[in-house]
Amino acid sequence: MKDMGTLLINFAVQSCRQQGLDYDYQAVHDVSDPEFLKLNPLGFVPVLLDGHSLIGDSFAIIMYLEDKYPHHHPLLPHDLHTRAINFQLANIVSSSIQPFQNLTLVKYIAEKVGPDEKLPWTQSVIRKGFTALEKLLKDHARRYATGDDIFLADVFLAPQLHAAINRFNVDMKEFPILSRLHEAYNEIPSFWKALPENQPDAVH
């Protein structure tokens, strides 16, 4: 599995596990392989192949599963405002943090600016996103991000928090709500089973 896709894969894997869905995990070791590019011309993971349905975007995969299996654990609350907050939280992670810590961009910074700038860049991007998340969560977080049940926002937050703390060494002292949520997510079996190090192709 390419490191660049670890977080994205975990969005989808955590969604499947949280919804109680069975799936066949296929590791991708070379996203530039012509056969893989037939599935996703962008060369990104994850990709969902469900019968004749081929979907190559984490958010799209999750929403597809949400619509296809409405009787499983729903990831979207019924309340319209809370639903919108879930979309907002998920988008901050998927659009305003993750793309800027992507291995492709980090490698580019290392080449054009210098290898010592990789970690500071990544940490600054994550801190900016976490500052926004912390402010937004202040009015909505309870046991989890937007209530006492796991919803879409949690599926995106859990792997991002894990990566920030364990991979990028982000100091979480200024993010007490996010830190508390991280601890809560670590107690959920479906979440820790979806961690990168617990996948079949993980390198130990």
C-alpha atoms as a PDB file:
ATOM      1  CA  MET A   1       0.000   0.000   0.000  1.00  0.00           C
ATOM      2  CA  LYS A   2       1.386   3.404  -0.882  1.00  0.00           C
ATOM      3  CA  ASP A   3       1.766   5.637   2.163  1.00  0.00           C
ATOM      4  CA  MET A   4      -0.100   8.432   0.356  1.00  0.00           C
ATOM      5  CA  GLY A   5      -3.287   6.424   0.455  1.00  0.00           C
ATOM      6  CA  THR A   6      -3.263   5.221   4.030  1.00  0.00           C
ATOM      7  CA  LEU A   7      -5.541   7.935   5.394  1.00  0.00           C
ATOM      8  CA  LEU A   8      -7.920   7.769   2.456  1.00  0.00           C
ATOM      9  CA  ILE A   9      -8.202   4.013   2.706  1.00  0.00           C
ATOM     10  CA  ASN A  10      -9.031   4.348   6.352  1.00  0.00           C
ATOM     11  CA  PHE A  11     -11.958   6.641   5.605  1.00  0.00           C
ATOM     12  CA  ALA A  12     -13.497   3.876   3.513  1.00  0.00           C
ATOM     13  CA  VAL A  13     -12.419   0.978   5.729  1.00  0.00           C
ATOM     14  CA  GLN A  14     -13.770   2.653   8.841  1.00  0.00           C
ATOM     15  CA  SER A  15     -17.022   3.386   7.047  1.00  0.00           C
ATOM     16  CA  CYS A  16     -17.429  -0.274   6.086  1.00  0.00           C
ATOM     17  CA  ARG A  17     -16.564  -1.504   9.557  1.00  0.00           C
ATOM     18  CA  GLN A  18     -18.792   1.010  11.303  1.00  0.00           C
ATOM     19  CA  GLN A  19     -21.711   0.063   9.054  1.00  0.00           C
ATOM     20  CA  GLY A  20     -21.076  -3.639   9.608  1.00  0.00           C
ATOM     21  CA  LEU A  21     -20.413  -4.374   5.936  1.00  0.00           C
ATOM     22  CA  ASP A  22     -18.290  -7.222   4.598  1.00  0.00           C
ATOM     23  CA  TYR A  23     -15.669  -6.324   2.008  1.00  0.00           C
ATOM     24  CA  ASP A  24     -12.717  -7.814   0.161  1.00  0.00           C
ATOM     25  CA  TYR A  25      -9.594  -5.786   0.908  1.00  0.00           C
ATOM     26  CA  GLN A  26      -7.152  -5.616  -2.008  1.00  0.00           C
ATOM     27  CA  ALA A  27      -3.803  -3.975  -1.318  1.00  0.00           C
ATOM     28  CA  VAL A  28      -2.377  -1.623  -3.944  1.00  0.00           C
ATOM     29  CA  HIS A  29       1.411  -1.511  -3.934  1.00  0.00           C
ATOM     30  CA  ASP A  30       1.915   0.516  -7.105  1.00  0.00           C
ATOM     31  CA  VAL A  31      -0.683   3.174  -7.915  1.00  0.00           C
ATOM     32  CA  SER A  32       1.109   3.870 -11.209  1.00  0.00           C
ATOM     33  CA  ASP A  33       0.445   0.343 -12.451  1.00  0.00           C
ATOM     34  CA  PRO A  34      -1.473   0.552 -15.765  1.00  0.00           C
ATOM     35  CA  GLU A  35      -4.021  -1.975 -14.524  1.00  0.00           C
ATOM     36  CA  PHE A  36      -4.770   0.121 -11.458  1.00  0.00           C
ATOM     37  CA  LEU A  37      -4.960   3.294 -13.542  1.00  0.00           C
ATOM     38  CA  LYS A  38      -7.784   1.653 -15.467  1.00  0.00           C
ATOM     39  CA  LEU A  39      -9.724   1.673 -12.200  1.00  0.00           C
ATOM     40  CA  ASN A  40      -8.745   5.190 -11.192  1.00  0.00           C
ATOM     41  CA  PRO A  41      -6.902   7.348 -13.774  1.00  0.00           C
ATOM     42  CA  LEU A  42      -5.817   9.711 -10.969  1.00  0.00           C
ATOM     43  CA  GLY A  43      -3.810   6.893  -9.438  1.00  0.00           C
ATOM     44  CA  PHE A  44      -5.280   7.371  -5.978  1.00  0.00           C
ATOM     45  CA  VAL A  45      -6.704   4.910  -3.496  1.00  0.00           C
ATOM     46  CA  PRO A  46      -9.186   3.780  -2.363  1.00  0.00           C
ATOM     47  CA  VAL A  47     -11.315   2.358  -5.149  1.00  0.00           C
ATOM     48  CA  LEU A  48     -14.576   0.531  -4.569  1.00  0.00           C
ATOM     49  CA  LEU A  49     -15.673  -2.135  -7.035  1.00  0.00           C
ATOM     50  CA  ASP A  50     -19.210  -3.251  -6.255  1.00  0.00           C
ATOM     51  CA  GLY A  51     -20.599  -5.348  -9.079  1.00  0.00           C
ATOM     52  CA  HIS A  52     -20.713  -2.969 -12.042  1.00  0.00           C
ATOM     53  CA  SER A  53     -20.219   0.088  -9.851  1.00  0.00           C
ATOM     54  CA  LEU A  54     -16.697   1.512  -9.842  1.00  0.00           C
ATOM     55  CA  ILE A  55     -16.045   4.436  -7.481  1.00  0.00           C
ATOM     56  CA  GLY A  56     -12.661   6.024  -6.850  1.00  0.00           C
ATOM     57  CA  ASP A  57     -13.184   8.669  -4.175  1.00  0.00           C
ATOM     58  CA  SER A  58     -13.419   8.237  -0.406  1.00  0.00           C
ATOM     59  CA  PHE A  59     -16.332  10.607   0.127  1.00  0.00           C
ATOM     60  CA  ALA A  60     -18.225   9.180  -2.841  1.00  0.00           C
ATOM     61  CA  ILE A  61     -17.613   5.620  -1.632  1.00  0.00           C
ATOM     62  CA  ILE A  62     -18.940   6.397   1.826  1.00  0.00           C
ATOM     63  CA  MET A  63     -22.050   8.129   0.501  1.00  0.00           C
ATOM     64  CA  TYR A  64     -22.654   5.270  -1.934  1.00  0.00           C
ATOM     65  CA  LEU A  65     -22.550   2.758   0.910  1.00  0.00           C
ATOM     66  CA  GLU A  66     -24.748   5.010   3.039  1.00  0.00           C
ATOM     67  CA  ASP A  67     -27.416   5.093   0.321  1.00  0.00           C
ATOM     68  CA  LYS A  68     -27.137   1.430  -0.616  1.00  0.00           C
ATOM     69  CA  TYR A  69     -27.373   0.110   2.929  1.00  0.00           C
ATOM     70  CA  PRO A  70     -29.803   2.455   4.726  1.00  0.00           C
ATOM     71  CA  HIS A  71     -30.745  -0.184   7.290  1.00  0.00           C
ATOM     72  CA  HIS A  72     -27.189  -0.598   8.543  1.00  0.00           C
ATOM     73  CA  HIS A  73     -25.677   1.835  11.020  1.00  0.00           C
ATOM     74  CA  PRO A  74     -26.504   5.243   9.450  1.00  0.00           C
ATOM     75  CA  LEU A  75     -23.639   7.694   9.182  1.00  0.00           C
ATOM     76  CA  LEU A  76     -25.861  10.720   8.625  1.00  0.00           C
ATOM     77  CA  PRO A  77     -28.144  12.056  11.380  1.00  0.00           C
ATOM     78  CA  HIS A  78     -31.776  12.875  10.611  1.00  0.00           C
ATOM     79  CA  ASP A  79     -31.512  16.438  11.917  1.00  0.00           C
ATOM     80  CA  LEU A  80     -30.657  18.652   8.933  1.00  0.00           C
ATOM     81  CA  HIS A  81     -28.408  21.035  10.858  1.00  0.00           C
ATOM     82  CA  THR A  82     -26.432  18.232  12.480  1.00  0.00           C
ATOM     83  CA  ARG A  83     -26.175  16.549   9.093  1.00  0.00           C
ATOM     84  CA  ALA A  84     -24.737  19.730   7.594  1.00  0.00           C
ATOM     85  CA  ILE A  85     -22.206  19.999  10.430  1.00  0.00           C
ATOM     86  CA  ASN A  86     -21.127  16.426   9.673  1.00  0.00           C
ATOM     87  CA  PHE A  87     -20.544  17.358   6.046  1.00  0.00           C
ATOM     88  CA  GLN A  88     -18.627  20.442   7.124  1.00  0.00           C
ATOM     89  CA  LEU A  89     -16.380  18.538   9.542  1.00  0.00           C
ATOM     90  CA  ALA A  90     -15.734  15.784   6.994  1.00  0.00           C
ATOM     91  CA  ASN A  91     -14.899  18.318   4.307  1.00  0.00           C
ATOM     92  CA  ILE A  92     -12.422  20.163   6.501  1.00  0.00           C
ATOM     93  CA  VAL A  93     -10.520  16.888   6.863  1.00  0.00           C
ATOM     94  CA  SER A  94     -10.864  15.653   3.288  1.00  0.00           C
ATOM     95  CA  SER A  95     -10.441  18.996   1.495  1.00  0.00           C
ATOM     96  CA  SER A  96      -8.495  21.317   3.778  1.00  0.00           C
ATOM     97  CA  ILE A  97      -6.100  18.966   5.580  1.00  0.00           C
ATOM     98  CA  GLN A  98      -5.543  15.646   3.848  1.00  0.00           C
ATOM     99  CA  PRO A  99      -4.616  16.907   0.346  1.00  0.00           C
ATOM    100  CA  PHE A 100      -1.920  19.149   1.831  1.00  0.00           C
ATOM    101  CA  GLN A 101      -0.300  16.329   3.791  1.00  0.00           C
ATOM    102  CA  ASN A 102      -0.470  13.978   0.823  1.00  0.00           C
ATOM    103  CA  LEU A 103       2.820  12.239   0.127  1.00  0.00           C
ATOM    104  CA  THR A 104       2.934  13.638  -3.418  1.00  0.00           C
ATOM    105  CA  LEU A 105       2.895  17.227  -2.172  1.00  0.00           C
ATOM    106  CA  VAL A 106       5.207  16.542   0.765  1.00  0.00           C
ATOM    107  CA  LYS A 107       7.763  14.958  -1.591  1.00  0.00           C
ATOM    108  CA  TYR A 108       7.501  17.984  -3.869  1.00  0.00           C
ATOM    109  CA  ILE A 109       8.209  20.325  -0.945  1.00  0.00           C
ATOM    110  CA  ALA A 110      11.200  18.193   0.052  1.00  0.00           C
ATOM    111  CA  GLU A 111      12.601  18.387  -3.476  1.00  0.00           C
ATOM    112  CA  LYS A 112      11.922  22.065  -4.139  1.00  0.00           C
ATOM    113  CA  VAL A 113      12.418  23.553  -0.671  1.00  0.00           C
ATOM    114  CA  GLY A 114      14.318  20.980   1.352  1.00  0.00           C
ATOM    115  CA  PRO A 115      13.780  17.694   3.215  1.00  0.00           C
ATOM    116  CA  ASP A 116      13.801  19.462   6.582  1.00  0.00           C
ATOM    117  CA  GLU A 117      10.652  21.349   5.598  1.00  0.00           C
ATOM    118  CA  LYS A 118       8.445  18.274   5.171  1.00  0.00           C
ATOM    119  CA  LEU A 119       7.416  17.807   8.785  1.00  0.00           C
ATOM    120  CA  PRO A 120       6.993  21.515   9.663  1.00  0.00           C
ATOM    121  CA  TRP A 121       4.820  21.963   6.565  1.00  0.00           C
ATOM    122  CA  THR A 122       2.631  19.001   7.406  1.00  0.00           C
ATOM    123  CA  GLN A 123       2.282  20.010  11.038  1.00  0.00           C
ATOM    124  CA  SER A 124       1.313  23.569  10.097  1.00  0.00           C
ATOM    125  CA  VAL A 125      -1.377  22.324   7.717  1.00  0.00           C
ATOM    126  CA  ILE A 126      -2.791  19.971  10.335  1.00  0.00           C
ATOM    127  CA  ARG A 127      -2.728  22.631  13.074  1.00  0.00           C
ATOM    128  CA  LYS A 128      -4.622  25.082  10.869  1.00  0.00           C
ATOM    129  CA  GLY A 129      -7.284  22.486  10.125  1.00  0.00           C
ATOM    130  CA  PHE A 130      -7.439  21.331  13.744  1.00  0.00           C
ATOM    131  CA  THR A 131      -7.916  24.928  14.919  1.00  0.00           C
ATOM    132  CA  ALA A 132     -11.006  25.190  12.718  1.00  0.00           C
ATOM    133  CA  LEU A 133     -12.259  21.780  13.801  1.00  0.00           C
ATOM    134  CA  GLU A 134     -11.783  22.570  17.489  1.00  0.00           C
ATOM    135  CA  LYS A 135     -13.836  25.776  17.188  1.00  0.00           C
ATOM    136  CA  LEU A 136     -16.600  24.024  15.267  1.00  0.00           C
ATOM    137  CA  LEU A 137     -16.722  21.062  17.629  1.00  0.00           C
ATOM    138  CA  LYS A 138     -17.074  23.348  20.651  1.00  0.00           C
ATOM    139  CA  ASP A 139     -20.778  23.788  19.940  1.00  0.00           C
ATOM    140  CA  HIS A 140     -21.528  20.250  18.743  1.00  0.00           C
ATOM    141  CA  ALA A 141     -19.305  17.605  20.339  1.00  0.00           C
ATOM    142  CA  ARG A 142     -20.738  15.306  22.959  1.00  0.00           C
ATOM    143  CA  ARG A 143     -19.584  11.745  23.373  1.00  0.00           C
ATOM    144  CA  TYR A 144     -18.474  11.867  19.736  1.00  0.00           C
ATOM    145  CA  ALA A 145     -18.133  14.684  17.212  1.00  0.00           C
ATOM    146  CA  THR A 146     -21.807  15.596  16.785  1.00  0.00           C
ATOM    147  CA  GLY A 147     -23.643  13.562  19.390  1.00  0.00           C
ATOM    148  CA  ASP A 148     -23.678  10.293  21.266  1.00  0.00           C
ATOM    149  CA  ASP A 149     -23.584   8.159  18.102  1.00  0.00           C
ATOM    150  CA  ILE A 150     -20.905   7.633  15.467  1.00  0.00           C
ATOM    151  CA  PHE A 151     -21.596   9.652  12.336  1.00  0.00           C
ATOM    152  CA  LEU A 152     -19.831  10.698   9.133  1.00  0.00           C
ATOM    153  CA  ALA A 153     -17.635  13.284  10.862  1.00  0.00           C
ATOM    154  CA  ASP A 154     -16.219  10.647  13.195  1.00  0.00           C
ATOM    155  CA  VAL A 155     -15.279   8.387  10.285  1.00  0.00           C
ATOM    156  CA  PHE A 156     -13.151  11.215   8.880  1.00  0.00           C
ATOM    157  CA  LEU A 157     -11.818  12.531  12.171  1.00  0.00           C
ATOM    158  CA  ALA A 158     -10.602   9.234  13.625  1.00  0.00           C
ATOM    159  CA  PRO A 159      -7.945   8.397  10.988  1.00  0.00           C
ATOM    160  CA  GLN A 160      -6.885  12.033  10.686  1.00  0.00           C
ATOM    161  CA  LEU A 161      -6.301  12.274  14.420  1.00  0.00           C
ATOM    162  CA  HIS A 162      -4.419   8.974  14.433  1.00  0.00           C
ATOM    163  CA  ALA A 163      -2.147  10.155  11.628  1.00  0.00           C
ATOM    164  CA  ALA A 164      -1.542  13.559  13.193  1.00  0.00           C
ATOM    165  CA  ILE A 165      -0.542  12.104  16.549  1.00  0.00           C
ATOM    166  CA  ASN A 166       1.284   8.928  15.559  1.00  0.00           C
ATOM    167  CA  ARG A 167       2.739   9.817  12.179  1.00  0.00           C
ATOM    168  CA  PHE A 168       3.275  13.588  12.248  1.00  0.00           C
ATOM    169  CA  ASN A 169       3.868  14.155  15.988  1.00  0.00           C
ATOM    170  CA  VAL A 170       1.398  17.024  16.271  1.00  0.00           C
ATOM    171  CA  ASP A 171       1.228  18.500  19.772  1.00  0.00           C
ATOM    172  CA  MET A 172      -2.417  18.156  20.800  1.00  0.00           C
ATOM    173  CA  LYS A 173      -2.295  20.326  23.949  1.00  0.00           C
ATOM    174  CA  GLU A 174      -4.189  23.156  22.249  1.00  0.00           C
ATOM    175  CA  PHE A 175      -6.889  20.785  20.959  1.00  0.00           C
ATOM    176  CA  PRO A 176      -8.622  19.326  24.046  1.00  0.00           C
ATOM    177  CA  ILE A 177     -11.840  18.356  22.264  1.00  0.00           C
ATOM    178  CA  LEU A 178     -10.016  16.578  19.463  1.00  0.00           C
ATOM    179  CA  SER A 179      -7.782  14.853  22.015  1.00  0.00           C
ATOM    180  CA  ARG A 180     -10.823  13.601  23.907  1.00  0.00           C
ATOM    181  CA  LEU A 181     -12.408  12.344  20.700  1.00  0.00           C
ATOM    182  CA  HIS A 182      -9.194  10.542  19.789  1.00  0.00           C
ATOM    183  CA  GLU A 183      -9.327   8.685  23.089  1.00  0.00           C
ATOM    184  CA  ALA A 184     -12.985   7.841  22.517  1.00  0.00           C
ATOM    185  CA  TYR A 185     -12.273   6.489  19.027  1.00  0.00           C
ATOM    186  CA  ASN A 186      -9.513   4.260  20.391  1.00  0.00           C
ATOM    187  CA  GLU A 187     -12.140   2.448  22.439  1.00  0.00           C
ATOM    188  CA  ILE A 188     -14.226   1.521  19.374  1.00  0.00           C
ATOM    189  CA  PRO A 189     -13.269  -1.932  17.977  1.00  0.00           C
ATOM    190  CA  SER A 190     -14.382  -1.110  14.420  1.00  0.00           C
ATOM    191  CA  PHE A 191     -12.109   1.924  14.443  1.00  0.00           C
ATOM    192  CA  TRP A 192      -8.911   0.394  15.761  1.00  0.00           C
ATOM    193  CA  LYS A 193      -9.384  -2.601  13.475  1.00  0.00           C
ATOM    194  CA  ALA A 194      -9.337  -0.144  10.575  1.00  0.00           C
ATOM    195  CA  LEU A 195      -6.020   1.456  11.531  1.00  0.00           C
ATOM    196  CA  PRO A 196      -3.243   1.257   8.914  1.00  0.00           C
ATOM    197  CA  GLU A 197      -1.086  -1.020  11.047  1.00  0.00           C
ATOM    198  CA  ASN A 198      -3.958  -3.499  11.338  1.00  0.00           C
ATOM    199  CA  GLN A 199      -4.479  -3.971   7.616  1.00  0.00           C
ATOM    200  CA  PRO A 200      -3.442  -7.197   5.839  1.00  0.00           C
ATOM    201  CA  ASP A 201      -0.568  -5.548   3.942  1.00  0.00           C
ATOM    202  CA  ALA A 202       0.795  -3.520   6.852  1.00  0.00           C
ATOM    203  CA  VAL A 203       4.560  -3.557   7.255  1.00  0.00           C
ATOM    204  CA  HIS A 204       5.599  -4.277  10.835  1.00  0.00           C
END
